[in-house]
C-alpha atoms as a PDB file:
ATOM      1  CA  MET A   1      40.516  40.360 -31.119  1.00  0.00           C
ATOM      2  CA  THR A   2      39.932  38.085 -34.203  1.00  0.00           C
ATOM      3  CA  GLU A   3      37.049  35.742 -34.200  1.00  0.00           C
ATOM      4  CA  GLN A   4      39.536  32.807 -33.779  1.00  0.00           C
ATOM      5  CA  GLU A   5      41.077  34.360 -30.511  1.00  0.00           C
ATOM      6  CA  ALA A   6      37.563  35.094 -29.243  1.00  0.00           C
ATOM      7  CA  GLY A   7      36.803  31.243 -29.863  1.00  0.00           C
ATOM      8  CA  THR A   8      33.870  32.036 -32.303  1.00  0.00           C
ATOM      9  CA  ASP A   9      35.420  30.632 -35.302  1.00  0.00           C
ATOM     10  CA  SER A  10      33.504  27.782 -37.166  1.00  0.00           C
ATOM     11  CA  PRO A  11      34.321  25.316 -39.568  1.00  0.00           C
ATOM     12  CA  THR A  12      33.266  26.731 -43.069  1.00  0.00           C
ATOM     13  CA  THR A  13      32.487  25.127 -46.379  1.00  0.00           C
ATOM     14  CA  GLY A  14      32.916  27.327 -49.718  1.00  0.00           C
ATOM     15  CA  GLY A  15      32.785  30.441 -47.486  1.00  0.00           C
ATOM     16  CA  GLN A  16      29.815  29.582 -45.569  1.00  0.00           C
ATOM     17  CA  SER A  17      30.059  28.517 -41.963  1.00  0.00           C
ATOM     18  CA  ILE A  18      29.051  25.237 -40.216  1.00  0.00           C
ATOM     19  CA  GLN A  19      26.635  25.319 -37.498  1.00  0.00           C
ATOM     20  CA  LEU A  20      27.359  22.664 -35.189  1.00  0.00           C
ATOM     21  CA  ARG A  21      25.273  22.575 -32.454  1.00  0.00           C
ATOM     22  CA  LEU A  22      26.926  20.313 -29.550  1.00  0.00           C
ATOM     23  CA  ASN A  23      24.915  21.525 -26.284  1.00  0.00           C
ATOM     24  CA  SER A  24      23.418  17.987 -26.160  1.00  0.00           C
ATOM     25  CA  VAL A  25      23.405  14.535 -27.426  1.00  0.00           C
ATOM     26  CA  GLU A  26      20.661  14.811 -29.678  1.00  0.00           C
ATOM     27  CA  HIS A  27      22.001  18.035 -30.998  1.00  0.00           C
ATOM     28  CA  SER A  28      25.516  16.695 -30.839  1.00  0.00           C
ATOM     29  CA  ARG A  29      24.174  13.366 -33.371  1.00  0.00           C
ATOM     30  CA  LYS A  30      22.490  15.684 -35.851  1.00  0.00           C
ATOM     31  CA  SER A  31      25.842  17.735 -36.296  1.00  0.00           C
ATOM     32  CA  PHE A  32      27.906  14.869 -36.728  1.00  0.00           C
ATOM     33  CA  ALA A  33      25.562  13.520 -39.280  1.00  0.00           C
ATOM     34  CA  ARG A  34      25.639  17.057 -40.861  1.00  0.00           C
ATOM     35  CA  ILE A  35      29.365  16.985 -41.184  1.00  0.00           C
ATOM     36  CA  ILE A  36      29.042  13.818 -43.171  1.00  0.00           C
ATOM     37  CA  ARG A  37      26.677  14.878 -45.398  1.00  0.00           C
ATOM     38  CA  LEU A  38      28.598  18.022 -46.368  1.00  0.00           C
ATOM     39  CA  TYR A  39      31.540  15.300 -46.915  1.00  0.00           C
ATOM     40  CA  MET A  40      29.606  13.229 -49.033  1.00  0.00           C
ATOM     41  CA  CYS A  41      28.337  16.140 -51.190  1.00  0.00           C
ATOM     42  CA  GLY A  42      32.007  17.445 -51.631  1.00  0.00           C
ATOM     43  CA  GLU A  43      31.281  20.341 -49.905  1.00  0.00           C
ATOM     44  CA  LEU A  44      33.939  19.732 -47.125  1.00  0.00           C
ATOM     45  CA  ASP A  45      37.213  18.856 -48.058  1.00  0.00           C
ATOM     46  CA  ARG A  46      39.143  15.613 -46.378  1.00  0.00           C
ATOM     47  CA  VAL A  47      41.286  17.330 -43.948  1.00  0.00           C
ATOM     48  CA  MET A  48      38.592  19.514 -42.426  1.00  0.00           C
ATOM     49  CA  PHE A  49      36.384  16.229 -42.487  1.00  0.00           C
ATOM     50  CA  ARG A  50      38.788  14.142 -40.458  1.00  0.00           C
ATOM     51  CA  ASP A  51      39.967  17.107 -38.183  1.00  0.00           C
ATOM     52  CA  LEU A  52      35.560  17.411 -37.470  1.00  0.00           C
ATOM     53  CA  VAL A  53      34.983  13.686 -37.174  1.00  0.00           C
ATOM     54  CA  PHE A  54      37.925  13.299 -34.705  1.00  0.00           C
ATOM     55  CA  ALA A  55      36.643  16.282 -32.672  1.00  0.00           C
ATOM     56  CA  MET A  56      33.322  14.842 -33.031  1.00  0.00           C
ATOM     57  CA  SER A  57      34.270  11.400 -31.655  1.00  0.00           C
ATOM     58  CA  GLY A  58      35.959  12.533 -28.626  1.00  0.00           C
ATOM     59  CA  LEU A  59      32.983  14.631 -27.786  1.00  0.00           C
ATOM     60  CA  LEU A  60      30.772  11.923 -28.257  1.00  0.00           C
ATOM     61  CA  GLY A  61      32.823  10.033 -25.999  1.00  0.00           C
ATOM     62  CA  PHE A  62      32.478  12.314 -23.150  1.00  0.00           C
ATOM     63  CA  TRP A  63      28.560  12.346 -23.674  1.00  0.00           C
ATOM     64  CA  ARG A  64      28.760   8.319 -23.447  1.00  0.00           C
ATOM     65  CA  ALA A  65      30.796   8.714 -20.095  1.00  0.00           C
ATOM     66  CA  GLU A  66      28.334  11.198 -18.743  1.00  0.00           C
ATOM     67  CA  LYS A  67      25.328   8.824 -19.260  1.00  0.00           C
ATOM     68  CA  GLU A  68      27.384   5.981 -17.874  1.00  0.00           C
ATOM     69  CA  LEU A  69      28.099   7.904 -14.946  1.00  0.00           C
ATOM     70  CA  ASP A  70      24.207   8.604 -14.432  1.00  0.00           C
ATOM     71  CA  ILE A  71      23.024   5.085 -15.082  1.00  0.00           C
ATOM     72  CA  GLU A  72      25.801   3.806 -12.484  1.00  0.00           C
ATOM     73  CA  GLU A  73      24.352   6.743  -9.878  1.00  0.00           C
ATOM     74  CA  ARG A  74      20.698   5.288 -10.603  1.00  0.00           C
ATOM     75  CA  LEU A  75      21.901   1.784  -9.997  1.00  0.00           C
ATOM     76  CA  LEU A  76      23.619   2.555  -6.602  1.00  0.00           C
ATOM     77  CA  SER A  77      20.522   4.495  -5.561  1.00  0.00           C
ATOM     78  CA  LEU A  78      18.379   1.023  -6.200  1.00  0.00           C
ATOM     79  CA  GLU A  79      20.887  -0.965  -4.618  1.00  0.00           C
ATOM     80  CA  GLU A  80      20.675   1.313  -1.597  1.00  0.00           C
ATOM     81  CA  GLN A  81      16.791   1.031  -1.277  1.00  0.00           C
ATOM     82  CA  ILE A  82      16.866  -2.392  -1.837  1.00  0.00           C
ATOM     83  CA  ARG A  83      19.005  -3.120   1.200  1.00  0.00           C
END
């Protein structure tokens, strides 16, 4: 089984892999910033940059939706306590 089949492949820049920690909002934000810095320094080609930005935008949208659901649940809980 290749790395790609195992799902362990990661983007590369000049032969070096980019570490993208995506297990929290903070780590996702830092990984997004890392992608932008690599592109601005010319270490990431335009196509890979575009693909990563597209993927990160989707992921960050999910993080946002999750936070909004948490806020909605807390709001409902507070409204029930008031009644």
